[in-house]
Amino acid sequence: METLDEIGLRHKTDKSTMTHHYLGVYESYLKDWRDKEFTLIELGIAAGNSLKMWHQAFPKAKIIGIDINPDCAGYCEPPIEVYIGSQTDTVFLDSVLAKIGVPDVIIDDGSHVGADMIFSFRHLFPKMKAGGFYVVEDTHAGAYIPTYAGEMESNGRSKAFNFFTGLVYDVDVAGRGSCGNAEFCINHPSETPAVPEFSRILECAFFHCSLWWFKRR
């Protein structure tokens, strides 16, 4: 079986070792998904190369692309589905989910603007299937480059950096219960600290270079 990177190179996606070297990481998480039926959404289509790669690598998956550029509607053919709209338009996003069902994998390769990355995660992550993955790509832009990240906060880090790395607090359930059993910690009778916003749905987080992964509980 071809590796994901080999397929990516053939389709000339910048996720491959041609540019970003992301596909080895994707392979490590999704190696058992190659013959699985699931739904994958990618925010950001560009020329459609990565959507075509996902379709070839995961032939039983439903592949969905979202982009704000109307031209992207013509870059892929069925069964790949393309929807035109903004990753920060909740009405649009919910209309897509109503058509395609509950997603298993969401990849944010969209605007790379830090505020957009946070917005899309907040809205879409709770709507994912348990056991699924939410992936944020090119964090070197949205978390670090001022054009994308915006002004730095008081600790000298961007809002996106502080938000996403701060989700470790949610994974740890703010230290409640003092153990590694998340359900016990969530249901612990302590009134303080309160159960963090994402603790009930965020199982774990993985931070790779420019590529951050979050697993849905």
N, C-alpha and C. Protein backbone atom coordinates (compact mmCIF):
# COMPACT_ATOMS: atom_id res chain seq x y z
N MET A 1 0.84 -1.20 0.00
CA MET A 1 0.00 0.00 0.00
C MET A 1 0.88 1.26 0.00
N GLU A 2 0.53 2.21 -0.84
CA GLU A 2 1.27 3.46 -0.87
C GLU A 2 1.11 4.23 0.44
N THR A 3 2.17 4.94 0.81
CA THR A 3 2.05 5.80 1.98
C THR A 3 1.22 7.03 1.62
N LEU A 4 0.74 7.68 2.64
CA LEU A 4 -0.02 8.90 2.42
C LEU A 4 0.85 9.96 1.74
N ASP A 5 2.12 10.00 2.11
CA ASP A 5 3.01 10.98 1.50
C ASP A 5 3.23 10.69 0.02
N GLU A 6 3.33 9.43 -0.34
CA GLU A 6 3.49 9.09 -1.76
C GLU A 6 2.28 9.54 -2.57
N ILE A 7 1.10 9.34 -2.00
CA ILE A 7 -0.12 9.78 -2.68
C ILE A 7 -0.15 11.31 -2.74
N GLY A 8 0.26 11.94 -1.64
CA GLY A 8 0.27 13.39 -1.59
C GLY A 8 1.23 14.00 -2.59
N LEU A 9 2.39 13.39 -2.76
CA LEU A 9 3.36 13.89 -3.73
C LEU A 9 2.80 13.81 -5.15
N ARG A 10 2.10 12.71 -5.44
CA ARG A 10 1.53 12.56 -6.77
C ARG A 10 0.48 13.63 -7.06
N HIS A 11 -0.26 14.00 -6.02
CA HIS A 11 -1.29 15.03 -6.19
C HIS A 11 -0.75 16.44 -5.96
N LYS A 12 0.54 16.52 -5.66
CA LYS A 12 1.20 17.82 -5.49
C LYS A 12 0.57 18.68 -4.40
N THR A 13 0.17 18.04 -3.30
CA THR A 13 -0.33 18.82 -2.17
C THR A 13 0.85 19.28 -1.31
N ASP A 14 0.76 20.50 -0.81
CA ASP A 14 1.85 21.03 0.01
C ASP A 14 1.89 20.39 1.40
N LYS A 15 0.93 19.52 1.72
CA LYS A 15 0.99 18.77 2.97
C LYS A 15 2.09 17.70 2.93
N SER A 16 2.54 17.36 1.74
CA SER A 16 3.53 16.29 1.55
C SER A 16 4.94 16.80 1.85
N THR A 17 5.92 15.91 1.67
CA THR A 17 7.31 16.30 1.87
C THR A 17 7.79 17.27 0.79
N MET A 18 6.94 17.56 -0.17
CA MET A 18 7.24 18.60 -1.15
C MET A 18 7.40 19.95 -0.46
N THR A 19 6.63 20.14 0.65
CA THR A 19 6.67 21.44 1.36
C THR A 19 6.63 21.27 2.87
N HIS A 20 5.46 20.92 3.41
CA HIS A 20 5.25 21.03 4.86
C HIS A 20 5.57 19.78 5.68
N HIS A 21 5.67 18.62 5.05
CA HIS A 21 6.02 17.39 5.78
C HIS A 21 4.96 17.01 6.83
N TYR A 22 3.69 17.20 6.52
CA TYR A 22 2.62 16.87 7.47
C TYR A 22 2.12 15.43 7.36
N LEU A 23 2.26 14.83 6.20
CA LEU A 23 1.53 13.58 5.94
C LEU A 23 2.05 12.39 6.73
N GLY A 24 3.31 12.43 7.15
CA GLY A 24 3.79 11.38 8.04
C GLY A 24 3.06 11.41 9.37
N VAL A 25 2.73 12.61 9.84
CA VAL A 25 1.96 12.74 11.08
C VAL A 25 0.53 12.24 10.86
N TYR A 26 -0.08 12.65 9.75
CA TYR A 26 -1.43 12.15 9.44
C TYR A 26 -1.44 10.63 9.37
N GLU A 27 -0.41 10.06 8.75
CA GLU A 27 -0.33 8.60 8.64
C GLU A 27 -0.31 7.94 10.01
N SER A 28 0.40 8.53 10.95
CA SER A 28 0.52 7.92 12.28
C SER A 28 -0.81 7.87 13.02
N TYR A 29 -1.69 8.83 12.76
CA TYR A 29 -2.99 8.84 13.43
C TYR A 29 -4.07 8.11 12.65
N LEU A 30 -3.97 8.12 11.33
CA LEU A 30 -5.06 7.61 10.50
C LEU A 30 -4.70 6.33 9.75
N LYS A 31 -3.62 5.67 10.13
CA LYS A 31 -3.18 4.47 9.39
C LYS A 31 -4.23 3.37 9.42
N ASP A 32 -5.05 3.30 10.45
CA ASP A 32 -6.08 2.26 10.54
C ASP A 32 -7.42 2.72 9.94
N TRP A 33 -7.43 3.88 9.31
CA TRP A 33 -8.66 4.43 8.75
C TRP A 33 -8.74 4.24 7.24
N ARG A 34 -7.74 3.63 6.62
CA ARG A 34 -7.67 3.60 5.16
C ARG A 34 -8.85 2.87 4.52
N ASP A 35 -9.43 1.91 5.22
CA ASP A 35 -10.55 1.15 4.67
C ASP A 35 -11.84 1.42 5.46
N LYS A 36 -11.87 2.57 6.12
CA LYS A 36 -12.99 2.90 7.01
C LYS A 36 -13.93 3.90 6.36
N GLU A 37 -15.22 3.78 6.67
CA GLU A 37 -16.19 4.77 6.24
C GLU A 37 -16.24 5.89 7.28
N PHE A 38 -15.95 7.10 6.88
CA PHE A 38 -16.01 8.24 7.79
C PHE A 38 -16.17 9.51 6.97
N THR A 39 -16.41 10.61 7.67
CA THR A 39 -16.59 11.91 7.01
C THR A 39 -15.46 12.85 7.38
N LEU A 40 -14.82 13.41 6.37
CA LEU A 40 -13.70 14.34 6.56
C LEU A 40 -14.06 15.68 5.94
N ILE A 41 -13.90 16.74 6.71
CA ILE A 41 -14.10 18.11 6.22
C ILE A 41 -12.75 18.81 6.21
N GLU A 42 -12.44 19.46 5.11
CA GLU A 42 -11.26 20.31 5.08
C GLU A 42 -11.70 21.75 4.82
N LEU A 43 -11.33 22.64 5.74
CA LEU A 43 -11.57 24.06 5.57
C LEU A 43 -10.39 24.63 4.79
N GLY A 44 -10.66 25.15 3.60
CA GLY A 44 -9.59 25.63 2.74
C GLY A 44 -9.31 24.61 1.65
N ILE A 45 -9.55 24.98 0.41
CA ILE A 45 -9.44 24.04 -0.71
C ILE A 45 -8.25 24.34 -1.61
N ALA A 46 -7.95 25.64 -1.80
CA ALA A 46 -6.91 26.06 -2.76
C ALA A 46 -7.22 25.45 -4.12
N ALA A 47 -6.30 24.64 -4.68
CA ALA A 47 -6.54 24.04 -5.99
C ALA A 47 -7.21 22.68 -5.92
N GLY A 48 -7.52 22.21 -4.72
CA GLY A 48 -8.20 20.93 -4.56
C GLY A 48 -7.28 19.73 -4.48
N ASN A 49 -5.97 19.95 -4.46
CA ASN A 49 -5.03 18.83 -4.48
C ASN A 49 -5.16 17.91 -3.27
N SER A 50 -5.31 18.51 -2.09
CA SER A 50 -5.38 17.66 -0.90
C SER A 50 -6.70 16.90 -0.85
N LEU A 51 -7.79 17.50 -1.34
CA LEU A 51 -9.07 16.77 -1.36
C LEU A 51 -8.97 15.53 -2.24
N LYS A 52 -8.31 15.68 -3.37
CA LYS A 52 -8.12 14.53 -4.27
C LYS A 52 -7.25 13.47 -3.61
N MET A 53 -6.24 13.92 -2.87
CA MET A 53 -5.40 12.97 -2.15
C MET A 53 -6.19 12.21 -1.09
N TRP A 54 -6.99 12.95 -0.30
CA TRP A 54 -7.80 12.28 0.73
C TRP A 54 -8.73 11.25 0.09
N HIS A 55 -9.32 11.60 -1.03
CA HIS A 55 -10.25 10.67 -1.69
C HIS A 55 -9.54 9.40 -2.14
N GLN A 56 -8.33 9.53 -2.68
CA GLN A 56 -7.62 8.34 -3.12
C GLN A 56 -7.13 7.51 -1.95
N ALA A 57 -6.67 8.18 -0.90
CA ALA A 57 -6.12 7.46 0.25
C ALA A 57 -7.21 6.79 1.09
N PHE A 58 -8.39 7.41 1.13
CA PHE A 58 -9.49 6.90 1.96
C PHE A 58 -10.72 6.75 1.07
N PRO A 59 -10.75 5.73 0.21
CA PRO A 59 -11.80 5.61 -0.81
C PRO A 59 -13.21 5.43 -0.25
N LYS A 60 -13.34 4.99 0.99
CA LYS A 60 -14.68 4.80 1.56
C LYS A 60 -15.15 6.02 2.34
N ALA A 61 -14.29 7.02 2.46
CA ALA A 61 -14.64 8.21 3.23
C ALA A 61 -15.43 9.21 2.39
N LYS A 62 -16.25 9.99 3.07
CA LYS A 62 -16.94 11.11 2.44
C LYS A 62 -16.03 12.33 2.61
N ILE A 63 -15.57 12.88 1.50
CA ILE A 63 -14.62 14.00 1.52
C ILE A 63 -15.34 15.29 1.19
N ILE A 64 -15.24 16.25 2.10
CA ILE A 64 -15.94 17.52 1.98
C ILE A 64 -14.92 18.65 2.01
N GLY A 65 -15.03 19.59 1.08
CA GLY A 65 -14.18 20.77 1.08
C GLY A 65 -15.01 22.02 1.26
N ILE A 66 -14.49 22.96 2.04
CA ILE A 66 -15.15 24.24 2.27
C ILE A 66 -14.17 25.36 1.96
N ASP A 67 -14.63 26.35 1.20
CA ASP A 67 -13.76 27.48 0.88
C ASP A 67 -14.63 28.70 0.58
N ILE A 68 -14.07 29.87 0.82
CA ILE A 68 -14.80 31.11 0.57
C ILE A 68 -14.71 31.55 -0.88
N ASN A 69 -13.79 30.95 -1.63
CA ASN A 69 -13.56 31.31 -3.03
C ASN A 69 -14.48 30.51 -3.95
N PRO A 70 -15.39 31.16 -4.67
CA PRO A 70 -16.34 30.43 -5.55
C PRO A 70 -15.64 29.60 -6.62
N ASP A 71 -14.43 29.98 -7.02
CA ASP A 71 -13.73 29.22 -8.05
C ASP A 71 -13.44 27.79 -7.61
N CYS A 72 -13.36 27.58 -6.31
CA CYS A 72 -13.02 26.25 -5.79
C CYS A 72 -14.09 25.22 -6.10
N ALA A 73 -15.28 25.66 -6.41
CA ALA A 73 -16.37 24.74 -6.73
C ALA A 73 -16.07 23.90 -7.96
N GLY A 74 -15.18 24.38 -8.82
CA GLY A 74 -14.88 23.65 -10.05
C GLY A 74 -13.60 22.86 -10.04
N TYR A 75 -12.94 22.78 -8.88
CA TYR A 75 -11.64 22.12 -8.83
C TYR A 75 -11.70 20.62 -8.57
N CYS A 76 -12.83 20.12 -8.10
CA CYS A 76 -12.96 18.69 -7.78
C CYS A 76 -14.25 18.14 -8.37
N GLU A 77 -14.25 16.84 -8.59
CA GLU A 77 -15.42 16.17 -9.14
C GLU A 77 -16.01 15.21 -8.10
N PRO A 78 -17.29 14.87 -8.27
CA PRO A 78 -17.91 13.88 -7.37
C PRO A 78 -17.10 12.58 -7.37
N PRO A 79 -17.07 11.89 -6.23
CA PRO A 79 -17.92 12.08 -5.05
C PRO A 79 -17.42 13.13 -4.06
N ILE A 80 -16.30 13.81 -4.33
CA ILE A 80 -15.88 14.90 -3.47
C ILE A 80 -16.93 16.00 -3.51
N GLU A 81 -17.29 16.52 -2.35
CA GLU A 81 -18.30 17.57 -2.27
C GLU A 81 -17.63 18.88 -1.86
N VAL A 82 -18.00 19.96 -2.51
CA VAL A 82 -17.44 21.28 -2.22
C VAL A 82 -18.57 22.24 -1.87
N TYR A 83 -18.38 22.99 -0.79
CA TYR A 83 -19.35 23.99 -0.36
C TYR A 83 -18.64 25.34 -0.25
N ILE A 84 -19.26 26.37 -0.76
CA ILE A 84 -18.66 27.69 -0.78
C ILE A 84 -19.25 28.55 0.34
N GLY A 85 -18.38 29.00 1.22
CA GLY A 85 -18.80 29.83 2.34
C GLY A 85 -17.64 30.04 3.29
N SER A 86 -17.88 30.82 4.33
CA SER A 86 -16.82 31.20 5.26
C SER A 86 -16.73 30.25 6.45
N GLN A 87 -15.51 30.04 6.91
CA GLN A 87 -15.30 29.20 8.10
C GLN A 87 -15.73 29.89 9.38
N THR A 88 -16.15 31.15 9.28
CA THR A 88 -16.64 31.87 10.45
C THR A 88 -18.13 32.21 10.33
N ASP A 89 -18.80 31.59 9.39
CA ASP A 89 -20.24 31.80 9.21
C ASP A 89 -20.97 30.60 9.81
N THR A 90 -21.51 30.75 10.99
CA THR A 90 -22.11 29.62 11.69
C THR A 90 -23.35 29.08 10.98
N VAL A 91 -24.13 29.97 10.39
CA VAL A 91 -25.33 29.51 9.66
C VAL A 91 -24.90 28.64 8.49
N PHE A 92 -23.90 29.10 7.75
CA PHE A 92 -23.39 28.31 6.62
C PHE A 92 -22.82 26.98 7.10
N LEU A 93 -21.98 27.01 8.13
CA LEU A 93 -21.36 25.78 8.61
C LEU A 93 -22.41 24.77 9.07
N ASP A 94 -23.41 25.25 9.78
CA ASP A 94 -24.46 24.34 10.25
C ASP A 94 -25.28 23.79 9.10
N SER A 95 -25.44 24.57 8.03
CA SER A 95 -26.18 24.08 6.87
C SER A 95 -25.41 22.95 6.18
N VAL A 96 -24.08 23.06 6.17
CA VAL A 96 -23.26 21.99 5.60
C VAL A 96 -23.37 20.73 6.45
N LEU A 97 -23.27 20.89 7.77
CA LEU A 97 -23.38 19.73 8.65
C LEU A 97 -24.75 19.07 8.53
N ALA A 98 -25.77 19.86 8.33
CA ALA A 98 -27.12 19.29 8.17
C ALA A 98 -27.21 18.41 6.94
N LYS A 99 -26.41 18.72 5.92
CA LYS A 99 -26.42 17.94 4.68
C LYS A 99 -25.53 16.71 4.75
N ILE A 100 -24.38 16.83 5.40
CA ILE A 100 -23.38 15.76 5.33
C ILE A 100 -23.37 14.85 6.55
N GLY A 101 -23.95 15.30 7.66
CA GLY A 101 -23.92 14.50 8.87
C GLY A 101 -22.79 14.91 9.81
N VAL A 102 -22.55 14.08 10.81
CA VAL A 102 -21.56 14.39 11.85
C VAL A 102 -20.17 14.04 11.35
N PRO A 103 -19.24 15.00 11.35
CA PRO A 103 -17.89 14.73 10.84
C PRO A 103 -17.02 13.97 11.83
N ASP A 104 -16.11 13.16 11.29
CA ASP A 104 -15.14 12.42 12.09
C ASP A 104 -13.79 13.12 12.14
N VAL A 105 -13.44 13.79 11.05
CA VAL A 105 -12.17 14.51 10.95
C VAL A 105 -12.45 15.89 10.37
N ILE A 106 -11.91 16.91 11.02
CA ILE A 106 -11.98 18.27 10.49
C ILE A 106 -10.56 18.81 10.42
N ILE A 107 -10.20 19.35 9.28
CA ILE A 107 -8.86 19.91 9.07
C ILE A 107 -9.03 21.40 8.77
N ASP A 108 -8.42 22.24 9.60
CA ASP A 108 -8.47 23.67 9.36
C ASP A 108 -7.20 24.08 8.61
N ASP A 109 -7.34 24.18 7.28
CA ASP A 109 -6.28 24.69 6.42
C ASP A 109 -6.84 25.90 5.68
N GLY A 110 -7.62 26.69 6.43
CA GLY A 110 -8.37 27.79 5.83
C GLY A 110 -7.59 29.09 5.79
N SER A 111 -8.12 30.12 6.44
CA SER A 111 -7.54 31.46 6.35
C SER A 111 -6.21 31.58 7.06
N HIS A 112 -5.97 30.73 8.07
CA HIS A 112 -4.78 30.77 8.94
C HIS A 112 -4.77 32.00 9.83
N VAL A 113 -5.86 32.75 9.85
CA VAL A 113 -5.98 33.88 10.76
C VAL A 113 -6.30 33.32 12.15
N GLY A 114 -5.53 33.75 13.14
CA GLY A 114 -5.69 33.18 14.47
C GLY A 114 -7.11 33.24 15.00
N ALA A 115 -7.77 34.39 14.83
CA ALA A 115 -9.14 34.53 15.33
C ALA A 115 -10.09 33.58 14.61
N ASP A 116 -9.87 33.34 13.32
CA ASP A 116 -10.71 32.40 12.57
C ASP A 116 -10.48 30.96 13.04
N MET A 117 -9.23 30.63 13.32
CA MET A 117 -8.90 29.30 13.81
C MET A 117 -9.65 29.00 15.11
N ILE A 118 -9.63 29.97 16.01
CA ILE A 118 -10.32 29.80 17.29
C ILE A 118 -11.83 29.70 17.08
N PHE A 119 -12.37 30.58 16.25
CA PHE A 119 -13.81 30.61 16.01
C PHE A 119 -14.29 29.27 15.46
N SER A 120 -13.60 28.76 14.44
CA SER A 120 -14.03 27.51 13.80
C SER A 120 -13.94 26.35 14.78
N PHE A 121 -12.88 26.31 15.58
CA PHE A 121 -12.74 25.24 16.56
C PHE A 121 -13.88 25.30 17.57
N ARG A 122 -14.13 26.47 18.10
CA ARG A 122 -15.19 26.59 19.11
C ARG A 122 -16.54 26.13 18.56
N HIS A 123 -16.81 26.42 17.31
CA HIS A 123 -18.11 26.08 16.75
C HIS A 123 -18.19 24.63 16.29
N LEU A 124 -17.13 24.12 15.68
CA LEU A 124 -17.20 22.81 15.04
C LEU A 124 -16.77 21.65 15.94
N PHE A 125 -15.81 21.86 16.81
CA PHE A 125 -15.32 20.74 17.62
C PHE A 125 -16.44 20.08 18.44
N PRO A 126 -17.32 20.84 19.07
CA PRO A 126 -18.40 20.18 19.83
C PRO A 126 -19.36 19.37 18.96
N LYS A 127 -19.37 19.63 17.65
CA LYS A 127 -20.31 18.96 16.76
C LYS A 127 -19.71 17.72 16.10
N MET A 128 -18.49 17.35 16.49
CA MET A 128 -17.82 16.20 15.89
C MET A 128 -18.23 14.90 16.55
N LYS A 129 -17.90 13.81 15.88
CA LYS A 129 -18.16 12.47 16.41
C LYS A 129 -17.11 12.10 17.44
N ALA A 130 -17.50 11.39 18.48
CA ALA A 130 -16.56 10.92 19.49
C ALA A 130 -15.48 10.06 18.84
N GLY A 131 -14.24 10.25 19.25
CA GLY A 131 -13.13 9.50 18.68
C GLY A 131 -12.52 10.16 17.46
N GLY A 132 -13.13 11.27 17.01
CA GLY A 132 -12.63 11.96 15.83
C GLY A 132 -11.49 12.91 16.15
N PHE A 133 -10.92 13.48 15.10
CA PHE A 133 -9.79 14.39 15.24
C PHE A 133 -10.08 15.74 14.59
N TYR A 134 -9.71 16.79 15.30
CA TYR A 134 -9.73 18.15 14.76
C TYR A 134 -8.28 18.57 14.59
N VAL A 135 -7.90 18.95 13.37
CA VAL A 135 -6.51 19.26 13.05
C VAL A 135 -6.39 20.72 12.62
N VAL A 136 -5.45 21.43 13.20
CA VAL A 136 -5.17 22.81 12.82
C VAL A 136 -3.80 22.84 12.15
N GLU A 137 -3.79 23.22 10.88
CA GLU A 137 -2.55 23.25 10.10
C GLU A 137 -1.93 24.65 10.05
N ASP A 138 -0.66 24.67 9.72
CA ASP A 138 0.08 25.91 9.47
C ASP A 138 -0.02 26.88 10.63
N THR A 139 0.14 26.34 11.83
CA THR A 139 0.07 27.19 13.02
C THR A 139 1.24 28.17 13.09
N HIS A 140 2.26 27.95 12.26
CA HIS A 140 3.35 28.92 12.20
C HIS A 140 2.83 30.28 11.72
N ALA A 141 1.70 30.28 11.02
CA ALA A 141 1.09 31.54 10.56
C ALA A 141 0.15 32.10 11.63
N GLY A 142 -0.91 31.38 11.90
CA GLY A 142 -1.96 31.89 12.78
C GLY A 142 -1.58 32.11 14.22
N ALA A 143 -0.50 31.46 14.66
CA ALA A 143 -0.09 31.61 16.06
C ALA A 143 1.14 32.49 16.23
N TYR A 144 1.81 32.81 15.13
CA TYR A 144 3.09 33.51 15.28
C TYR A 144 3.27 34.73 14.38
N ILE A 145 2.86 34.67 13.12
CA ILE A 145 3.10 35.77 12.19
C ILE A 145 2.07 36.87 12.46
N PRO A 146 2.50 38.07 12.82
CA PRO A 146 1.55 39.12 13.22
C PRO A 146 0.44 39.39 12.20
N THR A 147 0.73 39.27 10.91
CA THR A 147 -0.29 39.51 9.89
C THR A 147 -1.49 38.60 10.08
N TYR A 148 -1.23 37.38 10.55
CA TYR A 148 -2.28 36.39 10.77
C TYR A 148 -2.69 36.31 12.24
N ALA A 149 -1.72 36.39 13.12
CA ALA A 149 -1.96 36.16 14.54
C ALA A 149 -2.53 37.37 15.26
N GLY A 150 -2.29 38.57 14.71
CA GLY A 150 -2.74 39.78 15.38
C GLY A 150 -1.79 40.18 16.50
N GLU A 151 -2.24 41.08 17.34
CA GLU A 151 -1.40 41.57 18.42
C GLU A 151 -1.13 40.49 19.46
N MET A 152 0.07 40.54 20.01
CA MET A 152 0.42 39.59 21.05
C MET A 152 -0.28 39.97 22.36
N GLU A 153 -0.55 38.96 23.19
CA GLU A 153 -1.18 39.22 24.48
C GLU A 153 -0.11 39.53 25.53
N SER A 154 -0.52 39.70 26.76
CA SER A 154 0.39 40.20 27.80
C SER A 154 1.59 39.29 28.06
N ASN A 155 1.47 38.01 27.73
CA ASN A 155 2.59 37.08 27.94
C ASN A 155 3.51 37.01 26.73
N GLY A 156 3.26 37.86 25.74
CA GLY A 156 4.11 37.87 24.56
C GLY A 156 3.74 36.83 23.52
N ARG A 157 2.67 36.09 23.74
CA ARG A 157 2.20 35.06 22.80
C ARG A 157 0.88 35.50 22.17
N SER A 158 0.58 34.92 21.02
CA SER A 158 -0.66 35.29 20.32
C SER A 158 -1.88 34.71 21.02
N LYS A 159 -3.04 35.26 20.68
CA LYS A 159 -4.30 34.75 21.24
C LYS A 159 -4.52 33.30 20.82
N ALA A 160 -4.21 32.98 19.56
CA ALA A 160 -4.38 31.60 19.09
C ALA A 160 -3.45 30.65 19.83
N PHE A 161 -2.21 31.05 20.02
CA PHE A 161 -1.27 30.20 20.76
C PHE A 161 -1.80 29.96 22.17
N ASN A 162 -2.21 31.02 22.84
CA ASN A 162 -2.68 30.88 24.22
C ASN A 162 -3.95 30.05 24.30
N PHE A 163 -4.85 30.23 23.32
CA PHE A 163 -6.09 29.46 23.35
C PHE A 163 -5.83 27.97 23.17
N PHE A 164 -5.12 27.61 22.11
CA PHE A 164 -4.96 26.19 21.79
C PHE A 164 -4.03 25.48 22.78
N THR A 165 -2.93 26.09 23.15
CA THR A 165 -2.06 25.43 24.13
C THR A 165 -2.74 25.42 25.50
N GLY A 166 -3.61 26.39 25.73
CA GLY A 166 -4.34 26.43 27.00
C GLY A 166 -5.35 25.31 27.15
N LEU A 167 -5.65 24.60 26.05
CA LEU A 167 -6.59 23.48 26.13
C LEU A 167 -6.04 22.32 26.94
N VAL A 168 -4.75 22.34 27.23
CA VAL A 168 -4.19 21.34 28.14
C VAL A 168 -4.89 21.43 29.50
N TYR A 169 -5.26 22.62 29.88
CA TYR A 169 -6.00 22.84 31.14
C TYR A 169 -7.32 22.07 31.11
N ASP A 170 -7.97 22.06 29.94
CA ASP A 170 -9.24 21.34 29.79
C ASP A 170 -9.01 19.83 29.80
N VAL A 171 -7.94 19.38 29.13
CA VAL A 171 -7.62 17.94 29.15
C VAL A 171 -7.37 17.48 30.57
N ASP A 172 -6.67 18.30 31.34
CA ASP A 172 -6.35 17.95 32.73
C ASP A 172 -7.51 18.20 33.69
N VAL A 173 -8.63 18.68 33.17
CA VAL A 173 -9.81 18.99 33.98
C VAL A 173 -9.41 19.89 35.16
N ALA A 174 -8.50 20.81 34.89
CA ALA A 174 -8.06 21.81 35.87
C ALA A 174 -7.52 21.18 37.15
N GLY A 175 -7.08 19.94 37.06
CA GLY A 175 -6.52 19.28 38.23
C GLY A 175 -7.54 18.75 39.22
N ARG A 176 -8.81 18.85 38.88
CA ARG A 176 -9.86 18.34 39.77
C ARG A 176 -9.69 16.84 39.97
N GLY A 177 -9.94 16.35 41.14
CA GLY A 177 -9.93 14.91 41.41
C GLY A 177 -8.55 14.31 41.58
N SER A 178 -7.51 15.04 41.18
CA SER A 178 -6.12 14.62 41.39
C SER A 178 -5.83 13.20 40.94
N CYS A 179 -6.29 12.86 39.71
CA CYS A 179 -5.99 11.54 39.18
C CYS A 179 -6.09 11.58 37.66
N GLY A 180 -5.83 10.42 37.03
CA GLY A 180 -5.86 10.35 35.58
C GLY A 180 -7.17 9.86 35.01
N ASN A 181 -8.20 9.73 35.83
CA ASN A 181 -9.52 9.31 35.37
C ASN A 181 -10.35 10.56 35.10
N ALA A 182 -10.45 10.94 33.82
CA ALA A 182 -11.10 12.20 33.47
C ALA A 182 -12.55 12.24 33.92
N GLU A 183 -13.28 11.13 33.77
CA GLU A 183 -14.69 11.13 34.16
C GLU A 183 -14.83 11.37 35.66
N PHE A 184 -13.95 10.76 36.44
CA PHE A 184 -13.97 10.98 37.89
C PHE A 184 -13.70 12.45 38.19
N CYS A 185 -12.71 13.01 37.48
CA CYS A 185 -12.35 14.42 37.73
C CYS A 185 -13.48 15.36 37.36
N ILE A 186 -14.14 15.06 36.24
CA ILE A 186 -15.25 15.90 35.79
C ILE A 186 -16.40 15.85 36.79
N ASN A 187 -16.66 14.67 37.34
CA ASN A 187 -17.80 14.48 38.25
C ASN A 187 -17.43 14.66 39.72
N HIS A 188 -16.20 15.07 39.97
CA HIS A 188 -15.77 15.28 41.36
C HIS A 188 -16.62 16.37 42.02
N PRO A 189 -16.99 16.19 43.29
CA PRO A 189 -17.90 17.14 43.94
C PRO A 189 -17.29 18.52 44.23
N SER A 190 -16.02 18.69 44.02
CA SER A 190 -15.40 19.99 44.28
C SER A 190 -16.10 21.09 43.49
N GLU A 191 -16.34 22.21 44.15
CA GLU A 191 -16.96 23.34 43.47
C GLU A 191 -15.94 24.18 42.72
N THR A 192 -14.70 24.15 43.19
CA THR A 192 -13.63 24.90 42.53
C THR A 192 -12.40 24.01 42.39
N PRO A 193 -11.65 24.17 41.29
CA PRO A 193 -12.02 25.01 40.14
C PRO A 193 -13.17 24.38 39.35
N ALA A 194 -13.87 25.18 38.60
CA ALA A 194 -14.98 24.68 37.79
C ALA A 194 -14.45 23.79 36.67
N VAL A 195 -15.30 22.90 36.18
CA VAL A 195 -14.93 22.06 35.04
C VAL A 195 -14.73 22.98 33.83
N PRO A 196 -13.55 22.95 33.19
CA PRO A 196 -13.28 23.83 32.05
C PRO A 196 -14.23 23.56 30.87
N GLU A 197 -14.29 24.52 29.97
CA GLU A 197 -15.25 24.52 28.87
C GLU A 197 -15.24 23.25 28.03
N PHE A 198 -14.05 22.74 27.69
CA PHE A 198 -13.96 21.62 26.76
C PHE A 198 -13.64 20.28 27.43
N SER A 199 -13.55 20.23 28.74
CA SER A 199 -13.14 18.99 29.41
C SER A 199 -14.04 17.81 29.10
N ARG A 200 -15.32 18.05 28.94
CA ARG A 200 -16.27 16.94 28.72
C ARG A 200 -16.18 16.38 27.30
N ILE A 201 -15.54 17.10 26.38
CA ILE A 201 -15.51 16.62 25.00
C ILE A 201 -14.10 16.52 24.42
N LEU A 202 -13.09 17.02 25.11
CA LEU A 202 -11.72 16.97 24.62
C LEU A 202 -10.93 15.92 25.38
N GLU A 203 -10.59 14.84 24.69
CA GLU A 203 -9.86 13.75 25.34
C GLU A 203 -8.38 14.06 25.50
N CYS A 204 -7.75 14.54 24.41
CA CYS A 204 -6.32 14.80 24.46
C CYS A 204 -5.92 15.72 23.32
N ALA A 205 -4.70 16.25 23.42
CA ALA A 205 -4.17 17.15 22.40
C ALA A 205 -2.74 16.73 22.07
N PHE A 206 -2.38 16.90 20.81
CA PHE A 206 -1.04 16.54 20.33
C PHE A 206 -0.48 17.73 19.54
N PHE A 207 0.70 18.19 19.93
CA PHE A 207 1.28 19.36 19.27
C PHE A 207 2.52 18.94 18.48
N HIS A 208 2.38 18.95 17.16
CA HIS A 208 3.50 18.70 16.25
C HIS A 208 3.90 20.04 15.64
N CYS A 209 5.06 20.09 15.03
CA CYS A 209 5.56 21.34 14.47
C CYS A 209 4.61 21.87 13.40
N SER A 210 3.97 23.01 13.68
CA SER A 210 3.02 23.68 12.77
C SER A 210 1.75 22.87 12.52
N LEU A 211 1.51 21.85 13.34
CA LEU A 211 0.37 20.94 13.10
C LEU A 211 -0.15 20.46 14.45
N TRP A 212 -1.33 20.93 14.83
CA TRP A 212 -1.89 20.61 16.15
C TRP A 212 -3.14 19.74 16.01
N TRP A 213 -3.21 18.68 16.83
CA TRP A 213 -4.30 17.71 16.77
C TRP A 213 -5.07 17.69 18.09
N PHE A 214 -6.40 17.55 18.00
CA PHE A 214 -7.26 17.49 19.17
C PHE A 214 -8.26 16.35 18.98
N LYS A 215 -8.30 15.46 19.95
CA LYS A 215 -9.16 14.27 19.84
C LYS A 215 -10.46 14.47 20.61
N ARG A 216 -11.55 14.20 19.93
CA ARG A 216 -12.89 14.35 20.52
C ARG A 216 -13.19 13.18 21.45
N ARG A 217 -13.65 13.48 22.65
CA ARG A 217 -14.03 12.44 23.61
C ARG A 217 -15.37 11.84 23.21
